[in-house]
Protein backbone atom coordinates (compact mmCIF):
# COMPACT_ATOMS: atom_id res chain seq x y z
CA UNK A 1 147.51 -132.35 56.45
CA UNK A 2 145.23 -135.29 55.64
CA UNK A 3 146.80 -138.57 54.61
CA UNK A 4 145.41 -139.86 51.35
CA UNK A 5 144.58 -143.23 49.77
CA UNK A 6 143.62 -143.59 46.12
CA UNK A 7 140.88 -146.01 45.16
CA UNK A 8 141.54 -147.03 41.55
CA UNK A 9 138.44 -148.61 40.03
CA UNK A 10 136.00 -148.43 37.13
CA UNK A 11 133.25 -145.79 37.42
CA UNK A 12 130.50 -148.41 37.72
CA UNK A 13 132.28 -150.11 40.64
CA UNK A 14 132.78 -146.98 42.73
CA UNK A 15 129.45 -147.32 44.52
CA UNK A 16 130.14 -150.87 45.73
CA UNK A 17 133.70 -150.21 46.93
CA UNK A 18 134.13 -146.63 48.15
CA UNK A 19 131.66 -146.78 51.03
CA UNK A 20 133.32 -149.76 52.70
CA UNK A 21 136.77 -148.19 52.56
CA UNK A 22 135.56 -144.77 53.72
CA UNK A 23 133.75 -146.33 56.67
CA UNK A 24 136.90 -148.17 57.77
CA UNK A 25 139.37 -145.30 57.27
CA UNK A 26 140.15 -143.41 60.48
CA UNK A 27 143.02 -141.12 59.60
CA UNK A 28 143.05 -141.15 55.81
CA UNK A 29 140.97 -139.60 53.04
CA UNK A 30 139.82 -141.95 50.27
CA UNK A 31 139.94 -140.40 46.79
CA UNK A 32 138.73 -142.10 43.61
CA UNK A 33 140.49 -142.25 40.24
CA UNK A 34 139.41 -144.17 37.14
CA UNK A 35 142.10 -143.87 34.50
CA UNK A 36 145.86 -143.34 33.98
CA UNK A 37 145.49 -139.59 33.45
CA UNK A 38 143.67 -139.11 36.77
CA UNK A 39 146.23 -141.31 38.51
CA UNK A 40 149.16 -139.31 37.12
CA UNK A 41 147.52 -136.03 38.13
CA UNK A 42 147.01 -137.22 41.71
CA UNK A 43 150.61 -138.39 41.98
CA UNK A 44 151.86 -135.00 40.76
CA UNK A 45 149.57 -133.03 43.09
CA UNK A 46 150.56 -131.11 46.23
CA UNK A 47 149.44 -133.97 48.51
CA UNK A 48 150.26 -137.22 46.75
CA UNK A 49 148.65 -140.40 48.08
CA UNK A 50 150.48 -142.79 50.37
CA UNK A 51 148.69 -145.91 49.13
CA UNK A 52 146.69 -147.17 46.15
CA UNK A 53 143.90 -149.74 46.37
CA UNK A 54 142.92 -151.07 42.94
CA UNK A 55 139.51 -152.71 42.88
CA UNK A 56 139.01 -154.83 39.74
CA UNK A 57 140.67 -152.12 37.66
CA UNK A 58 142.20 -152.77 34.26
CA UNK A 59 144.65 -149.88 34.72
CA UNK A 60 148.27 -150.98 35.19
CA UNK A 61 149.98 -148.83 37.82
CA UNK A 62 153.43 -147.80 36.48
CA UNK A 63 156.54 -148.96 38.32
CA UNK A 64 157.63 -145.38 39.00
CA UNK A 65 154.29 -144.69 40.67
CA UNK A 66 154.59 -147.77 42.86
CA UNK A 67 158.07 -146.65 43.92
CA UNK A 68 156.66 -143.38 45.29
CA UNK A 69 153.99 -144.92 47.51
CA UNK A 70 155.22 -145.19 51.11
CA UNK A 71 152.19 -147.29 52.00
CA UNK A 72 152.42 -149.57 48.97
CA UNK A 73 149.61 -150.60 46.65
CA UNK A 74 147.10 -153.44 46.78
CA UNK A 75 144.87 -154.90 44.11
CA UNK A 76 141.68 -156.96 44.03
CA UNK A 77 141.72 -159.43 41.15
CA UNK A 78 138.31 -160.83 40.05
CA UNK A 79 139.67 -164.35 39.77
CA UNK A 80 141.79 -166.91 41.61
CA UNK A 81 145.58 -167.00 41.43
CA UNK A 82 145.59 -169.58 38.63
CA UNK A 83 143.64 -167.28 36.29
CA UNK A 84 145.82 -164.22 35.86
CA UNK A 85 145.19 -161.21 33.67
CA UNK A 86 142.00 -160.06 31.98
CA UNK A 87 138.64 -161.86 31.78
CA UNK A 88 139.46 -164.63 34.28
CA UNK A 89 135.84 -165.80 34.49
CA UNK A 90 135.65 -166.33 30.71
CA UNK A 91 138.71 -168.56 30.65
CA UNK A 92 137.63 -170.47 33.74
CA UNK A 93 134.23 -171.21 32.17
CA UNK A 94 135.86 -172.23 28.90
CA UNK A 95 138.10 -174.64 30.82
CA UNK A 96 135.11 -176.08 32.66
CA UNK A 97 136.55 -175.08 36.06
CA UNK A 98 134.48 -176.24 39.02
CA UNK A 99 135.91 -173.69 41.46
CA UNK A 100 136.81 -170.03 41.17
CA UNK A 101 137.77 -167.19 43.51
CA UNK A 102 138.94 -163.64 44.12
CA UNK A 103 142.45 -162.53 45.07
CA UNK A 104 143.91 -159.66 47.08
CA UNK A 105 147.59 -159.03 46.41
CA UNK A 106 150.33 -156.42 46.57
CA UNK A 107 150.79 -154.61 43.27
CA UNK A 108 154.14 -154.90 41.52
CA UNK A 109 155.37 -153.74 38.11
CA UNK A 110 154.43 -157.12 36.61
CA UNK A 111 150.64 -157.67 36.37
CA UNK A 112 149.15 -160.26 38.74
CA UNK A 113 152.50 -161.30 40.16
CA UNK A 114 152.90 -159.60 43.55
CA UNK A 115 152.70 -161.26 46.98
CA UNK A 116 149.21 -162.64 47.59
CA UNK A 117 147.50 -161.38 50.74
CA UNK A 118 144.28 -163.41 50.62
CA UNK A 119 142.26 -165.68 48.32
CA UNK A 120 138.58 -166.43 48.69
CA UNK A 121 137.72 -169.56 46.68
CA UNK A 122 134.24 -170.84 45.98
CA UNK A 123 132.48 -173.45 43.89
CA UNK A 124 131.16 -172.51 40.47
CA UNK A 125 127.41 -173.19 40.67
CA UNK A 126 126.35 -175.89 38.23
CA UNK A 127 125.14 -174.46 34.93
CA UNK A 128 126.66 -171.02 35.55
CA UNK A 129 127.21 -168.80 32.56
CA UNK A 130 129.35 -165.68 32.56
CA UNK A 131 126.55 -163.51 33.90
CA UNK A 132 126.05 -165.76 36.91
CA UNK A 133 129.75 -166.21 37.65
CA UNK A 134 130.66 -162.54 37.28
CA UNK A 135 127.78 -161.54 39.54
CA UNK A 136 128.85 -164.02 42.23
CA UNK A 137 132.49 -162.96 41.85
CA UNK A 138 131.64 -159.31 42.45
CA UNK A 139 129.73 -160.20 45.62
CA UNK A 140 132.67 -162.21 46.97
CA UNK A 141 135.13 -159.47 46.06
CA UNK A 142 133.08 -156.85 47.90
CA UNK A 143 132.88 -159.20 50.90
CA UNK A 144 136.69 -159.60 50.92
CA UNK A 145 137.13 -155.83 50.63
CA UNK A 146 134.76 -155.29 53.55
CA UNK A 147 136.55 -157.89 55.67
CA UNK A 148 140.01 -156.39 55.14
CA UNK A 149 139.12 -152.69 54.77
CA UNK A 150 140.42 -151.90 58.26
CA UNK A 151 143.89 -153.17 57.38
CA UNK A 152 143.98 -151.69 53.90
CA UNK A 153 143.01 -148.21 55.08
CA UNK A 154 145.46 -148.17 58.01
CA UNK A 155 148.56 -146.57 56.56
CA UNK A 156 150.62 -147.67 59.53
CA UNK A 157 149.97 -151.35 58.72
CA UNK A 158 151.31 -153.60 55.97
CA UNK A 159 149.21 -156.60 55.01
CA UNK A 160 151.14 -159.86 55.35
CA UNK A 161 151.31 -162.37 52.45
CA UNK A 162 149.37 -165.61 52.95
CA UNK A 163 151.91 -167.79 51.15
CA UNK A 164 149.83 -168.60 48.06
CA UNK A 165 151.45 -168.22 44.63
CA UNK A 166 150.32 -167.21 41.16
CA UNK A 167 150.24 -169.69 38.29
CA UNK A 168 149.20 -169.87 34.67
CA UNK A 169 149.55 -167.33 31.85
CA UNK A 170 148.63 -163.67 32.09
CA UNK A 171 145.66 -163.30 29.72
CA UNK A 172 145.44 -160.11 27.68
CA UNK A 173 142.89 -158.49 25.38
CA UNK A 174 144.36 -160.38 22.42
CA UNK A 175 143.71 -163.71 24.18
CA UNK A 176 140.08 -162.82 24.80
CA UNK A 177 139.69 -161.66 21.19
CA UNK A 178 141.02 -165.04 20.05
CA UNK A 179 138.47 -166.80 22.27
CA UNK A 180 135.72 -164.77 20.63
CA UNK A 181 136.78 -165.78 17.11
CA UNK A 182 135.11 -169.03 16.14
CA UNK A 183 136.89 -171.38 13.73
CA UNK A 184 135.04 -171.84 10.45
CA UNK A 185 134.57 -175.55 11.20
CA UNK A 186 133.41 -175.03 14.81
CA UNK A 187 131.62 -178.01 16.32
CA UNK A 188 128.44 -177.75 18.35
CA UNK A 189 130.36 -178.64 21.52
CA UNK A 190 133.05 -176.02 20.92
CA UNK A 191 130.41 -173.40 20.13
CA UNK A 192 128.64 -174.10 23.43
CA UNK A 193 131.92 -173.89 25.38
CA UNK A 194 132.78 -170.52 23.88
CA UNK A 195 129.26 -169.15 24.11
CA UNK A 196 129.13 -170.03 27.82
CA UNK A 197 132.53 -168.42 28.40
CA UNK A 198 132.13 -165.26 26.31
CA UNK A 199 128.43 -164.57 26.79
CA UNK A 200 126.96 -161.47 25.20
CA UNK A 201 127.76 -157.94 26.18
CA UNK A 202 127.60 -154.44 24.79
CA UNK A 203 131.28 -154.58 23.77
CA UNK A 204 131.96 -158.22 22.93
CA UNK A 205 130.43 -161.14 21.04
CA UNK A 206 131.39 -164.35 19.30
CA UNK A 207 132.36 -163.83 15.68
CA UNK A 208 133.17 -165.98 12.67
CA UNK A 209 134.74 -165.32 9.26
CA UNK A 210 133.15 -166.96 6.21
CA UNK A 211 134.37 -166.34 2.64
CA UNK A 212 136.32 -163.29 3.76
CA UNK A 213 133.38 -161.73 5.60
CA UNK A 214 133.21 -161.40 9.38
CA UNK A 215 129.93 -162.02 11.19
CA UNK A 216 129.16 -161.27 14.85
CA UNK A 217 126.60 -163.06 16.97
CA UNK A 218 123.65 -160.87 17.81
CA UNK A 219 120.58 -162.86 18.71
CA UNK A 220 118.91 -159.92 20.47
CA UNK A 221 118.55 -161.64 23.81
CA UNK A 222 116.24 -159.81 26.17
CA UNK A 223 118.08 -161.01 29.28
CA UNK A 224 120.58 -158.85 31.16
CA UNK A 225 124.30 -158.86 30.40
CA UNK A 226 127.36 -158.15 32.53
CA UNK A 227 129.93 -155.40 32.29
CA UNK A 228 132.75 -155.24 34.82
CA UNK A 229 130.99 -157.73 37.05
CA UNK A 230 127.73 -155.80 37.28
CA UNK A 231 124.39 -156.46 35.63
CA UNK A 232 123.55 -154.11 32.78
CA UNK A 233 120.44 -153.97 30.64
CA UNK A 234 121.03 -155.16 27.09
CA UNK A 235 120.64 -152.50 24.43
CA UNK A 236 117.98 -153.11 21.80
């Protein structure tokens, strides 16, 4: 009976992650899941997976699922260890960070808290906006996946921690929503900081409330936007 590994990732990231893992796997089948329902169905199936590899997925793997994985679970975080949780690039840009990175770690019940296996840090190119940083981050994350695919797909091996530790708060959707909400007395400098960090996407934008009415930024840019680290064409 074939040994199985689940690749947990967003649909648009399957193409850039599955091939590298499949090429490295020698005695295991790589199966893809995208959401909690698919994950639960695979775990309840006749041949449950031995390991999960989460690639920039926003799905939190339940503790009971982790407990039933003999090969453990590993996650690729699209940010360094000091930017935990969701939208790490947005908060790094807002802070004016000059370096960034991607992190491979062992999944635990607490988000972005497990033993860190590897971190690839890099400089934030001068003048980068969210589009530029997310695009570079995806490239570095794919490179780290490719480099360590042989270890991650070998169910007889356990990746050793590198000794690095997590720090900083775990950002959630509510934190990003707060970053998107401009104060009514926003200064030009604060507007630029938030606009650089948030950018424009099909599902997010800066917003402001004036006299009880909420307004969202929509300047109809013709340039591309980013979703899940990949370039997408902006809707008209």
